[in-house]
Amino acid sequence: MGTRTEEPGGGKTGPDRPSSLSPSRAGDFMTCPLLYRFRVIDRLPEKPSEAATRGTLVHAVLERLFDDPAVDRTAARARSMVAGEWERLLAARPELAELFAESAADGESGEDGRSEGRGGAAQGRLARWLSEAEQLVERWFTLEDPTRLEPSERELFVETVLDSGLKLRGIIDRVDVAPTGDVRIVDYKTGKAPRPEYASGALFQMKFYALVLWRLRGSVPRRLQLVYLGSGDVLSYDPVESDLRAVERKLHALWEAIRRATETGDWRPRPSKLCGWCDHQAFCPEFGGTPPPYPLPLIPAPALPADTVPEVGAGEVQGRMGQV
């Protein structure tokens, strides 16, 4: 997951009820309702990860590259920006320094068999990490030609309120507008492209953005494009109005499920292979933990027949989890 937030403050201030929905938070709930609670209601801290931080770094380079004239948007220029953008990111978020801090586990052996020392090992990890970010940035040039692109928007924060009152918000990596007025939404992923059976899940985030832009601007975006820098793949999809109406219905059902969980305090864990990456195992009943005391007042809900409870498939977003 990225370190950017699509939902400032989790869509809330303090221990209050959620007031908006982003693709990330929708994905959290569909993956595991208890994870959603931990992140949005309890706001439990999470350790930064090398993968997510690398994604943020690569996004920053690809955004700022378009500040340069088209002729200067070269792979060499982009690679040279990585170290500077890392320093900028570190200045904004000093806690990221702990990713490469010295530890008792440091002390890798060099080529001569002697220990590099704790400081040397940490610096070695940082150098390799930055090199991996440079490789991802360079791969982008095999997928798109930035000298022929003039994005209309970069890192665009979007927000709209549906007729139902549901507020949707998110951050779009790039919006391209053709001379004809056709709109393309582009999202960079530093992971690998999903397997074919997860392709629809990977597009969930993009359809969410398309729905928001449609409601804001009145026209359906012409194309949705996912650029996977980890594997060198591009996944494109041309949405139609019926697609976005279906997404809107799904989001309403999802929001209703979130509302009921918020009122009743019934946030159930949904075990999966993703549990191994979760920072909150100490609080999860599936791992013998106990969640923190629930900070919101409870509103008992009347029993509902099973066939009236809207179903929200977790499988639709699992394919994109971990794809920053």
C-alpha atoms as a PDB file:
ATOM      1  CA  MET A   1       0.000   0.000   0.000  1.00  0.00           C
ATOM      2  CA  GLY A   2       1.048   3.591  -0.634  1.00  0.00           C
ATOM      3  CA  THR A   3       1.951   6.078   2.015  1.00  0.00           C
ATOM      4  CA  ARG A   4      -0.174   8.773   0.406  1.00  0.00           C
ATOM      5  CA  THR A   5      -3.589   9.237   1.945  1.00  0.00           C
ATOM      6  CA  GLU A   6      -6.670   9.430  -0.225  1.00  0.00           C
ATOM      7  CA  GLU A   7      -8.787  10.228   2.781  1.00  0.00           C
ATOM      8  CA  PRO A   8      -7.270  12.941   4.991  1.00  0.00           C
ATOM      9  CA  GLY A   9      -7.760  12.060   8.617  1.00  0.00           C
ATOM     10  CA  GLY A  10      -9.369   8.794   7.548  1.00  0.00           C
ATOM     11  CA  GLY A  11     -12.426  10.810   6.539  1.00  0.00           C
ATOM     12  CA  LYS A  12     -12.959  11.790  10.177  1.00  0.00           C
ATOM     13  CA  THR A  13     -11.554  13.838  13.045  1.00  0.00           C
ATOM     14  CA  GLY A  14     -10.992  12.100  16.356  1.00  0.00           C
ATOM     15  CA  PRO A  15     -13.128   9.122  17.381  1.00  0.00           C
ATOM     16  CA  ASP A  16     -16.045  10.058  15.146  1.00  0.00           C
ATOM     17  CA  ARG A  17     -18.089   8.148  12.611  1.00  0.00           C
ATOM     18  CA  PRO A  18     -16.626   7.736   9.116  1.00  0.00           C
ATOM     19  CA  SER A  19     -17.910  10.444   6.799  1.00  0.00           C
ATOM     20  CA  SER A  20     -16.413   9.549   3.428  1.00  0.00           C
ATOM     21  CA  LEU A  21     -15.095   6.681   1.355  1.00  0.00           C
ATOM     22  CA  SER A  22     -11.937   6.348  -0.727  1.00  0.00           C
ATOM     23  CA  PRO A  23     -10.699   3.436  -2.858  1.00  0.00           C
ATOM     24  CA  SER A  24      -8.179   2.480  -0.180  1.00  0.00           C
ATOM     25  CA  ARG A  25     -10.705   2.427   2.630  1.00  0.00           C
ATOM     26  CA  ALA A  26     -13.240   0.589   0.485  1.00  0.00           C
ATOM     27  CA  GLY A  27     -10.527  -1.978  -0.212  1.00  0.00           C
ATOM     28  CA  ASP A  28      -9.759  -2.272   3.496  1.00  0.00           C
ATOM     29  CA  PHE A  29     -13.373  -3.058   4.376  1.00  0.00           C
ATOM     30  CA  MET A  30     -13.806  -5.574   1.601  1.00  0.00           C
ATOM     31  CA  THR A  31     -10.561  -7.260   2.553  1.00  0.00           C
ATOM     32  CA  CYS A  32     -11.225  -7.274   6.306  1.00  0.00           C
ATOM     33  CA  PRO A  33     -13.837  -5.190   8.184  1.00  0.00           C
ATOM     34  CA  LEU A  34     -11.701  -5.298  11.330  1.00  0.00           C
ATOM     35  CA  LEU A  35      -8.760  -3.830   9.412  1.00  0.00           C
ATOM     36  CA  TYR A  36     -11.025  -0.955   8.353  1.00  0.00           C
ATOM     37  CA  ARG A  37     -11.944  -0.374  11.992  1.00  0.00           C
ATOM     38  CA  PHE A  38      -8.310  -0.382  13.112  1.00  0.00           C
ATOM     39  CA  ARG A  39      -7.365   2.168  10.459  1.00  0.00           C
ATOM     40  CA  VAL A  40     -10.391   4.450  10.391  1.00  0.00           C
ATOM     41  CA  ILE A  41     -12.069   4.175  13.811  1.00  0.00           C
ATOM     42  CA  ASP A  42      -9.137   3.354  16.121  1.00  0.00           C
ATOM     43  CA  ARG A  43      -6.495   4.914  13.879  1.00  0.00           C
ATOM     44  CA  LEU A  44      -3.851   2.516  15.113  1.00  0.00           C
ATOM     45  CA  PRO A  45      -0.305   3.410  14.050  1.00  0.00           C
ATOM     46  CA  GLU A  46       1.385   1.362  11.355  1.00  0.00           C
ATOM     47  CA  LYS A  47       5.068   0.988  10.643  1.00  0.00           C
ATOM     48  CA  PRO A  48       6.294   2.376   7.324  1.00  0.00           C
ATOM     49  CA  SER A  49       7.331  -0.301   4.848  1.00  0.00           C
ATOM     50  CA  GLU A  50      10.085  -0.233   2.264  1.00  0.00           C
ATOM     51  CA  ALA A  51       7.679  -1.236  -0.523  1.00  0.00           C
ATOM     52  CA  ALA A  52       5.052   1.396   0.229  1.00  0.00           C
ATOM     53  CA  THR A  53       7.639   4.130   0.737  1.00  0.00           C
ATOM     54  CA  ARG A  54       9.350   3.184  -2.528  1.00  0.00           C
ATOM     55  CA  GLY A  55       5.970   3.561  -4.225  1.00  0.00           C
ATOM     56  CA  THR A  56       5.569   7.051  -2.792  1.00  0.00           C
ATOM     57  CA  LEU A  57       9.092   7.950  -3.928  1.00  0.00           C
ATOM     58  CA  VAL A  58       8.549   6.705  -7.479  1.00  0.00           C
ATOM     59  CA  HIS A  59       5.217   8.548  -7.692  1.00  0.00           C
ATOM     60  CA  ALA A  60       6.948  11.762  -6.638  1.00  0.00           C
ATOM     61  CA  VAL A  61       9.607  11.412  -9.349  1.00  0.00           C
ATOM     62  CA  LEU A  62       7.042  10.700 -12.076  1.00  0.00           C
ATOM     63  CA  GLU A  63       4.955  13.664 -10.969  1.00  0.00           C
ATOM     64  CA  ARG A  64       7.791  16.185 -10.794  1.00  0.00           C
ATOM     65  CA  LEU A  65       9.367  15.048 -14.051  1.00  0.00           C
ATOM     66  CA  PHE A  66       6.547  16.855 -15.861  1.00  0.00           C
ATOM     67  CA  ASP A  67       7.745  20.142 -14.362  1.00  0.00           C
ATOM     68  CA  ASP A  68      10.624  19.928 -16.862  1.00  0.00           C
ATOM     69  CA  PRO A  69      10.293  20.835 -20.549  1.00  0.00           C
ATOM     70  CA  ALA A  70       9.349  17.843 -22.706  1.00  0.00           C
ATOM     71  CA  VAL A  71      12.823  17.592 -24.245  1.00  0.00           C
ATOM     72  CA  ASP A  72      14.377  17.142 -20.784  1.00  0.00           C
ATOM     73  CA  ARG A  73      12.094  14.305 -19.684  1.00  0.00           C
ATOM     74  CA  THR A  74      14.650  11.545 -20.153  1.00  0.00           C
ATOM     75  CA  ALA A  75      15.305   8.323 -18.285  1.00  0.00           C
ATOM     76  CA  ALA A  76      18.669   9.652 -17.109  1.00  0.00           C
ATOM     77  CA  ARG A  77      17.020  12.791 -15.762  1.00  0.00           C
ATOM     78  CA  ALA A  78      14.367  10.748 -13.957  1.00  0.00           C
ATOM     79  CA  ARG A  79      16.952   8.444 -12.364  1.00  0.00           C
ATOM     80  CA  SER A  80      18.945  11.448 -11.167  1.00  0.00           C
ATOM     81  CA  MET A  81      15.856  12.789  -9.393  1.00  0.00           C
ATOM     82  CA  VAL A  82      15.413   9.741  -7.138  1.00  0.00           C
ATOM     83  CA  ALA A  83      17.972  10.688  -4.478  1.00  0.00           C
ATOM     84  CA  GLY A  84      16.718  14.262  -4.264  1.00  0.00           C
ATOM     85  CA  GLU A  85      13.093  13.200  -3.975  1.00  0.00           C
ATOM     86  CA  TRP A  86      14.069  10.772  -1.222  1.00  0.00           C
ATOM     87  CA  GLU A  87      15.653  13.626   0.730  1.00  0.00           C
ATOM     88  CA  ARG A  88      12.530  15.720   0.195  1.00  0.00           C
ATOM     89  CA  LEU A  89      10.310  12.869   1.377  1.00  0.00           C
ATOM     90  CA  LEU A  90      12.530  12.256   4.391  1.00  0.00           C
ATOM     91  CA  ALA A  91      12.359  15.929   5.363  1.00  0.00           C
ATOM     92  CA  ALA A  92       8.557  15.804   5.248  1.00  0.00           C
ATOM     93  CA  ARG A  93       8.343  12.493   7.103  1.00  0.00           C
ATOM     94  CA  PRO A  94      11.405  12.017   9.347  1.00  0.00           C
ATOM     95  CA  GLU A  95       9.988   8.760  10.727  1.00  0.00           C
ATOM     96  CA  LEU A  96      10.872   7.082   7.421  1.00  0.00           C
ATOM     97  CA  ALA A  97      14.522   7.171   8.493  1.00  0.00           C
ATOM     98  CA  GLU A  98      13.806   4.178  10.726  1.00  0.00           C
ATOM     99  CA  LEU A  99      13.461   2.024   7.613  1.00  0.00           C
ATOM    100  CA  PHE A 100      17.231   2.064   7.220  1.00  0.00           C
ATOM    101  CA  ALA A 101      18.329   2.739  10.779  1.00  0.00           C
ATOM    102  CA  GLU A 102      21.094   0.674  12.304  1.00  0.00           C
ATOM    103  CA  SER A 103      19.931  -2.346  14.275  1.00  0.00           C
ATOM    104  CA  ALA A 104      21.424  -5.301  16.107  1.00  0.00           C
ATOM    105  CA  ALA A 105      20.575  -7.419  13.084  1.00  0.00           C
ATOM    106  CA  ASP A 106      22.821  -5.311  10.862  1.00  0.00           C
ATOM    107  CA  GLY A 107      26.331  -6.421  10.121  1.00  0.00           C
ATOM    108  CA  GLU A 108      26.315  -8.034   6.694  1.00  0.00           C
ATOM    109  CA  SER A 109      29.552  -9.468   5.396  1.00  0.00           C
ATOM    110  CA  GLY A 110      31.339  -7.793   2.562  1.00  0.00           C
ATOM    111  CA  GLU A 111      32.993  -9.538  -0.376  1.00  0.00           C
ATOM    112  CA  ASP A 112      36.146 -10.132   1.684  1.00  0.00           C
ATOM    113  CA  GLY A 113      34.116 -11.948   4.342  1.00  0.00           C
ATOM    114  CA  ARG A 114      34.543  -9.208   6.925  1.00  0.00           C
ATOM    115  CA  SER A 115      31.571  -7.530   8.546  1.00  0.00           C
ATOM    116  CA  GLU A 116      30.537  -4.239   7.015  1.00  0.00           C
ATOM    117  CA  GLY A 117      29.456  -3.033  10.441  1.00  0.00           C
ATOM    118  CA  ARG A 118      25.977  -1.992  11.438  1.00  0.00           C
ATOM    119  CA  GLY A 119      26.203   1.416   9.794  1.00  0.00           C
ATOM    120  CA  GLY A 120      27.601  -0.043   6.583  1.00  0.00           C
ATOM    121  CA  ALA A 121      24.821  -2.625   6.364  1.00  0.00           C
ATOM    122  CA  ALA A 122      22.144   0.029   6.811  1.00  0.00           C
ATOM    123  CA  GLN A 123      23.720   2.223   4.142  1.00  0.00           C
ATOM    124  CA  GLY A 124      23.962  -0.799   1.865  1.00  0.00           C
ATOM    125  CA  ARG A 125      20.258  -1.505   2.229  1.00  0.00           C
ATOM    126  CA  LEU A 126      19.427   2.119   1.484  1.00  0.00           C
ATOM    127  CA  ALA A 127      21.620   2.114  -1.615  1.00  0.00           C
ATOM    128  CA  ARG A 128      19.984  -1.065  -2.929  1.00  0.00           C
ATOM    129  CA  TRP A 129      16.532   0.341  -2.181  1.00  0.00           C
ATOM    130  CA  LEU A 130      17.258   3.547  -4.060  1.00  0.00           C
ATOM    131  CA  SER A 131      18.655   1.525  -6.966  1.00  0.00           C
ATOM    132  CA  GLU A 132      15.428  -0.476  -7.127  1.00  0.00           C
ATOM    133  CA  ALA A 133      13.445   2.778  -7.240  1.00  0.00           C
ATOM    134  CA  GLU A 134      15.661   4.014 -10.083  1.00  0.00           C
ATOM    135  CA  GLN A 135      15.016   0.809 -12.016  1.00  0.00           C
ATOM    136  CA  LEU A 136      11.253   1.221 -11.634  1.00  0.00           C
ATOM    137  CA  VAL A 137      11.438   4.818 -12.823  1.00  0.00           C
ATOM    138  CA  GLU A 138      13.539   3.815 -15.827  1.00  0.00           C
ATOM    139  CA  ARG A 139      11.130   1.028 -16.767  1.00  0.00           C
ATOM    140  CA  TRP A 140       8.358   3.577 -17.107  1.00  0.00           C
ATOM    141  CA  PHE A 141      10.080   4.933 -20.208  1.00  0.00           C
ATOM    142  CA  THR A 142       9.552   1.579 -21.941  1.00  0.00           C
ATOM    143  CA  LEU A 143       5.791   1.897 -21.343  1.00  0.00           C
ATOM    144  CA  GLU A 144       5.064   5.577 -21.984  1.00  0.00           C
ATOM    145  CA  ASP A 145       6.848   8.457 -23.692  1.00  0.00           C
ATOM    146  CA  PRO A 146       6.708  11.506 -21.397  1.00  0.00           C
ATOM    147  CA  THR A 147       8.029  13.783 -24.147  1.00  0.00           C
ATOM    148  CA  ARG A 148       4.676  13.329 -25.896  1.00  0.00           C
ATOM    149  CA  LEU A 149       2.522  13.791 -22.792  1.00  0.00           C
ATOM    150  CA  GLU A 150       1.242  17.004 -21.227  1.00  0.00           C
ATOM    151  CA  PRO A 151      -0.960  15.902 -18.332  1.00  0.00           C
ATOM    152  CA  SER A 152      -3.965  18.025 -17.505  1.00  0.00           C
ATOM    153  CA  GLU A 153      -3.685  17.116 -13.815  1.00  0.00           C
ATOM    154  CA  ARG A 154      -1.165  15.367 -11.583  1.00  0.00           C
ATOM    155  CA  GLU A 155      -1.822  14.035  -8.078  1.00  0.00           C
ATOM    156  CA  LEU A 156      -5.354  15.374  -8.417  1.00  0.00           C
ATOM    157  CA  PHE A 157      -7.460  15.305  -5.251  1.00  0.00           C
ATOM    158  CA  VAL A 158     -11.084  14.704  -6.185  1.00  0.00           C
ATOM    159  CA  GLU A 159     -14.192  14.703  -4.029  1.00  0.00           C
ATOM    160  CA  THR A 160     -17.890  14.525  -4.743  1.00  0.00           C
ATOM    161  CA  VAL A 161     -21.099  13.878  -2.840  1.00  0.00           C
ATOM    162  CA  LEU A 162     -23.579  11.479  -4.422  1.00  0.00           C
ATOM    163  CA  ASP A 163     -27.317  12.156  -4.387  1.00  0.00           C
ATOM    164  CA  SER A 164     -27.571   9.749  -1.461  1.00  0.00           C
ATOM    165  CA  GLY A 165     -25.220  11.926   0.599  1.00  0.00           C
ATOM    166  CA  LEU A 166     -22.266   9.521   0.361  1.00  0.00           C
ATOM    167  CA  LYS A 167     -19.016  11.454  -0.012  1.00  0.00           C
ATOM    168  CA  LEU A 168     -16.377   9.921  -2.280  1.00  0.00           C
ATOM    169  CA  ARG A 169     -12.795  11.138  -2.442  1.00  0.00           C
ATOM    170  CA  GLY A 170      -9.415  10.087  -3.718  1.00  0.00           C
ATOM    171  CA  ILE A 171      -6.127  11.086  -5.365  1.00  0.00           C
ATOM    172  CA  ILE A 172      -5.615  10.403  -9.083  1.00  0.00           C
ATOM    173  CA  ASP A 173      -2.008  10.033 -10.238  1.00  0.00           C
ATOM    174  CA  ARG A 174      -2.536  11.578 -13.653  1.00  0.00           C
ATOM    175  CA  VAL A 175      -5.348  12.886 -15.839  1.00  0.00           C
ATOM    176  CA  ASP A 176      -4.720  13.291 -19.575  1.00  0.00           C
ATOM    177  CA  VAL A 177      -7.117  15.244 -21.790  1.00  0.00           C
ATOM    178  CA  ALA A 178      -6.961  14.756 -25.567  1.00  0.00           C
ATOM    179  CA  PRO A 179      -7.647  17.595 -28.024  1.00  0.00           C
ATOM    180  CA  THR A 180     -11.036  15.946 -28.604  1.00  0.00           C
ATOM    181  CA  GLY A 181     -11.833  16.335 -24.916  1.00  0.00           C
ATOM    182  CA  ASP A 182     -11.532  12.620 -24.159  1.00  0.00           C
ATOM    183  CA  VAL A 183     -10.226  11.974 -20.651  1.00  0.00           C
ATOM    184  CA  ARG A 184      -7.774   9.251 -19.634  1.00  0.00           C
ATOM    185  CA  ILE A 185      -7.158   8.395 -15.987  1.00  0.00           C
ATOM    186  CA  VAL A 186      -3.691   6.949 -15.337  1.00  0.00           C
ATOM    187  CA  ASP A 187      -2.449   5.245 -12.180  1.00  0.00           C
ATOM    188  CA  TYR A 188       1.112   4.055 -11.532  1.00  0.00           C
ATOM    189  CA  LYS A 189       1.719   0.790  -9.677  1.00  0.00           C
ATOM    190  CA  THR A 190       5.182  -0.212  -8.536  1.00  0.00           C
ATOM    191  CA  GLY A 191       4.129  -3.824  -8.091  1.00  0.00           C
ATOM    192  CA  LYS A 192       3.447  -6.458 -10.728  1.00  0.00           C
ATOM    193  CA  ALA A 193       0.316  -6.768 -12.832  1.00  0.00           C
ATOM    194  CA  PRO A 194      -2.332  -9.054 -11.299  1.00  0.00           C
ATOM    195  CA  ARG A 195      -3.204 -12.436 -12.694  1.00  0.00           C
ATOM    196  CA  PRO A 196      -6.068 -12.389 -15.234  1.00  0.00           C
ATOM    197  CA  GLU A 197      -8.599 -13.607 -12.672  1.00  0.00           C
ATOM    198  CA  TYR A 198      -7.889 -10.514 -10.578  1.00  0.00           C
ATOM    199  CA  ALA A 199      -8.036  -7.998 -13.420  1.00  0.00           C
ATOM    200  CA  SER A 200     -11.510  -6.772 -12.483  1.00  0.00           C
ATOM    201  CA  GLY A 201     -10.371  -6.204  -8.924  1.00  0.00           C
ATOM    202  CA  ALA A 202      -7.399  -4.188 -10.095  1.00  0.00           C
ATOM    203  CA  LEU A 203      -9.778  -1.892 -11.992  1.00  0.00           C
ATOM    204  CA  PHE A 204     -12.022  -1.267  -8.977  1.00  0.00           C
ATOM    205  CA  GLN A 205      -9.943   1.742  -7.886  1.00  0.00           C
ATOM    206  CA  MET A 206      -9.954   3.170 -11.412  1.00  0.00           C
ATOM    207  CA  LYS A 207     -13.714   2.799 -11.817  1.00  0.00           C
ATOM    208  CA  PHE A 208     -14.095   4.546  -8.479  1.00  0.00           C
ATOM    209  CA  TYR A 209     -12.097   7.509  -9.830  1.00  0.00           C
ATOM    210  CA  ALA A 210     -14.044   7.439 -13.083  1.00  0.00           C
ATOM    211  CA  LEU A 211     -17.314   7.595 -11.145  1.00  0.00           C
ATOM    212  CA  VAL A 212     -16.108  10.614  -9.184  1.00  0.00           C
ATOM    213  CA  LEU A 213     -14.949  12.462 -12.318  1.00  0.00           C
ATOM    214  CA  TRP A 214     -18.195  11.603 -14.091  1.00  0.00           C
ATOM    215  CA  ARG A 215     -20.232  13.069 -11.236  1.00  0.00           C
ATOM    216  CA  LEU A 216     -17.992  16.133 -11.075  1.00  0.00           C
ATOM    217  CA  ARG A 217     -17.664  16.886 -14.784  1.00  0.00           C
ATOM    218  CA  GLY A 218     -20.663  15.241 -16.370  1.00  0.00           C
ATOM    219  CA  SER A 219     -18.877  12.956 -18.836  1.00  0.00           C
ATOM    220  CA  VAL A 220     -17.564   9.392 -18.554  1.00  0.00           C
ATOM    221  CA  PRO A 221     -13.747   9.179 -18.881  1.00  0.00           C
ATOM    222  CA  ARG A 222     -12.727   7.583 -22.162  1.00  0.00           C
ATOM    223  CA  ARG A 223     -10.011   5.291 -20.774  1.00  0.00           C
ATOM    224  CA  LEU A 224      -8.669   3.906 -17.507  1.00  0.00           C
ATOM    225  CA  GLN A 225      -5.009   2.900 -17.545  1.00  0.00           C
ATOM    226  CA  LEU A 226      -2.945   1.077 -14.931  1.00  0.00           C
ATOM    227  CA  VAL A 227       0.825   1.199 -15.501  1.00  0.00           C
ATOM    228  CA  TYR A 228       2.625  -1.627 -13.661  1.00  0.00           C
ATOM    229  CA  LEU A 229       6.270  -0.695 -13.281  1.00  0.00           C
ATOM    230  CA  GLY A 230       7.119  -3.890 -11.431  1.00  0.00           C
ATOM    231  CA  SER A 231       6.349  -6.120 -14.402  1.00  0.00           C
ATOM    232  CA  GLY A 232       6.320  -3.690 -17.311  1.00  0.00           C
ATOM    233  CA  ASP A 233       2.637  -4.173 -18.132  1.00  0.00           C
ATOM    234  CA  VAL A 234      -0.149  -1.734 -18.978  1.00  0.00           C
ATOM    235  CA  LEU A 235      -3.767  -2.622 -18.221  1.00  0.00           C
ATOM    236  CA  SER A 236      -6.354  -0.478 -20.019  1.00  0.00           C
ATOM    237  CA  TYR A 237     -10.131  -0.406 -19.837  1.00  0.00           C
ATOM    238  CA  ASP A 238     -12.723   1.783 -21.551  1.00  0.00           C
ATOM    239  CA  PRO A 239     -15.655   2.279 -19.152  1.00  0.00           C
ATOM    240  CA  VAL A 240     -19.260   2.938 -20.103  1.00  0.00           C
ATOM    241  CA  GLU A 241     -21.996   4.584 -18.084  1.00  0.00           C
ATOM    242  CA  SER A 242     -23.501   1.264 -16.990  1.00  0.00           C
ATOM    243  CA  ASP A 243     -20.133   0.270 -15.462  1.00  0.00           C
ATOM    244  CA  LEU A 244     -20.052   3.361 -13.309  1.00  0.00           C
ATOM    245  CA  ARG A 245     -23.676   3.018 -12.238  1.00  0.00           C
ATOM    246  CA  ALA A 246     -22.878  -0.528 -11.096  1.00  0.00           C
ATOM    247  CA  VAL A 247     -19.895   0.777  -9.103  1.00  0.00           C
ATOM    248  CA  GLU A 248     -22.131   3.403  -7.524  1.00  0.00           C
ATOM    249  CA  ARG A 249     -24.640   0.761  -6.432  1.00  0.00           C
ATOM    250  CA  LYS A 250     -21.849  -1.348  -4.993  1.00  0.00           C
ATOM    251  CA  LEU A 251     -20.432   1.577  -3.052  1.00  0.00           C
ATOM    252  CA  HIS A 252     -23.851   2.340  -1.582  1.00  0.00           C
ATOM    253  CA  ALA A 253     -24.170  -1.272  -0.422  1.00  0.00           C
ATOM    254  CA  LEU A 254     -20.651  -1.119   0.983  1.00  0.00           C
ATOM    255  CA  TRP A 255     -21.337   2.135   2.813  1.00  0.00           C
ATOM    256  CA  GLU A 256     -24.501   0.671   4.320  1.00  0.00           C
ATOM    257  CA  ALA A 257     -22.464  -2.275   5.628  1.00  0.00           C
ATOM    258  CA  ILE A 258     -19.913   0.157   7.088  1.00  0.00           C
ATOM    259  CA  ARG A 259     -22.700   2.181   8.709  1.00  0.00           C
ATOM    260  CA  ARG A 260     -24.162  -0.910  10.380  1.00  0.00           C
ATOM    261  CA  ALA A 261     -20.747  -2.034  11.621  1.00  0.00           C
ATOM    262  CA  THR A 262     -20.054   1.463  12.960  1.00  0.00           C
ATOM    263  CA  GLU A 263     -23.317   1.561  14.893  1.00  0.00           C
ATOM    264  CA  THR A 264     -23.182  -1.976  16.275  1.00  0.00           C
ATOM    265  CA  GLY A 265     -19.431  -2.252  16.800  1.00  0.00           C
ATOM    266  CA  ASP A 266     -19.512  -5.572  14.926  1.00  0.00           C
ATOM    267  CA  TRP A 267     -16.250  -5.478  12.983  1.00  0.00           C
ATOM    268  CA  ARG A 268     -15.409  -9.052  12.119  1.00  0.00           C
ATOM    269  CA  PRO A 269     -11.986 -10.188  10.942  1.00  0.00           C
ATOM    270  CA  ARG A 270     -11.763 -11.866   7.551  1.00  0.00           C
ATOM    271  CA  PRO A 271      -8.673 -14.111   7.593  1.00  0.00           C
ATOM    272  CA  SER A 272      -6.687 -14.379   4.365  1.00  0.00           C
ATOM    273  CA  LYS A 273      -3.139 -14.729   3.133  1.00  0.00           C
ATOM    274  CA  LEU A 274      -2.850 -10.965   3.566  1.00  0.00           C
ATOM    275  CA  CYS A 275      -2.901 -11.370   7.354  1.00  0.00           C
ATOM    276  CA  GLY A 276       0.814 -12.060   7.325  1.00  0.00           C
ATOM    277  CA  TRP A 277       1.402  -8.448   6.243  1.00  0.00           C
ATOM    278  CA  CYS A 278      -0.913  -6.866   8.824  1.00  0.00           C
ATOM    279  CA  ASP A 279       0.568  -4.639  11.537  1.00  0.00           C
ATOM    280  CA  HIS A 280      -2.337  -5.286  13.898  1.00  0.00           C
ATOM    281  CA  GLN A 281      -2.092  -8.989  14.706  1.00  0.00           C
ATOM    282  CA  ALA A 282      -1.619  -8.161  18.405  1.00  0.00           C
ATOM    283  CA  PHE A 283      -5.160  -6.724  18.432  1.00  0.00           C
ATOM    284  CA  CYS A 284      -6.785  -9.326  16.182  1.00  0.00           C
ATOM    285  CA  PRO A 285      -8.856 -12.195  17.665  1.00  0.00           C
ATOM    286  CA  GLU A 286      -7.640 -14.449  14.856  1.00  0.00           C
ATOM    287  CA  PHE A 287      -4.167 -14.212  16.424  1.00  0.00           C
ATOM    288  CA  GLY A 288      -5.267 -14.324  20.049  1.00  0.00           C
ATOM    289  CA  GLY A 289      -5.415 -10.548  20.420  1.00  0.00           C
ATOM    290  CA  THR A 290      -8.095  -8.232  21.755  1.00  0.00           C
ATOM    291  CA  PRO A 291      -9.195  -5.066  19.915  1.00  0.00           C
ATOM    292  CA  PRO A 292      -8.972  -1.765  21.789  1.00  0.00           C
ATOM    293  CA  PRO A 293     -12.129  -0.598  23.617  1.00  0.00           C
ATOM    294  CA  TYR A 294     -14.611   0.618  21.020  1.00  0.00           C
ATOM    295  CA  PRO A 295     -14.554   4.438  21.088  1.00  0.00           C
ATOM    296  CA  LEU A 296     -17.983   5.113  19.549  1.00  0.00           C
ATOM    297  CA  PRO A 297     -21.459   4.823  21.106  1.00  0.00           C
ATOM    298  CA  LEU A 298     -23.306   1.663  20.081  1.00  0.00           C
ATOM    299  CA  ILE A 299     -26.701   1.646  18.430  1.00  0.00           C
ATOM    300  CA  PRO A 300     -28.255  -1.843  18.494  1.00  0.00           C
ATOM    301  CA  ALA A 301     -29.534  -2.828  15.064  1.00  0.00           C
ATOM    302  CA  PRO A 302     -32.674  -4.886  14.463  1.00  0.00           C
ATOM    303  CA  ALA A 303     -32.110  -8.361  13.129  1.00  0.00           C
ATOM    304  CA  LEU A 304     -32.213  -8.561   9.334  1.00  0.00           C
ATOM    305  CA  PRO A 305     -33.116 -11.579   7.232  1.00  0.00           C
ATOM    306  CA  ALA A 306     -29.992 -13.038   5.685  1.00  0.00           C
ATOM    307  CA  ASP A 307     -31.199 -12.372   2.168  1.00  0.00           C
ATOM    308  CA  THR A 308     -31.468  -8.614   2.801  1.00  0.00           C
ATOM    309  CA  VAL A 309     -27.840  -8.098   3.759  1.00  0.00           C
ATOM    310  CA  PRO A 310     -25.917  -6.717   0.754  1.00  0.00           C
ATOM    311  CA  GLU A 311     -22.937  -8.831  -0.215  1.00  0.00           C
ATOM    312  CA  VAL A 312     -19.608  -7.203  -0.926  1.00  0.00           C
ATOM    313  CA  GLY A 313     -16.994  -9.457  -2.466  1.00  0.00           C
ATOM    314  CA  ALA A 314     -13.549  -9.262  -0.924  1.00  0.00           C
ATOM    315  CA  GLY A 315     -12.039 -10.998  -3.942  1.00  0.00           C
ATOM    316  CA  GLU A 316     -12.572  -7.934  -6.103  1.00  0.00           C
ATOM    317  CA  VAL A 317      -9.854  -5.972  -4.367  1.00  0.00           C
ATOM    318  CA  GLN A 318      -7.496  -8.670  -3.158  1.00  0.00           C
ATOM    319  CA  GLY A 319      -5.840  -8.746  -6.545  1.00  0.00           C
ATOM    320  CA  ARG A 320      -4.690  -5.158  -6.160  1.00  0.00           C
ATOM    321  CA  MET A 321      -3.598  -5.310  -2.531  1.00  0.00           C
ATOM    322  CA  GLY A 322       0.132  -4.799  -2.239  1.00  0.00           C
ATOM    323  CA  GLN A 323       0.242  -3.192  -5.683  1.00  0.00           C
ATOM    324  CA  VAL A 324       1.313   0.283  -4.766  1.00  0.00           C
END
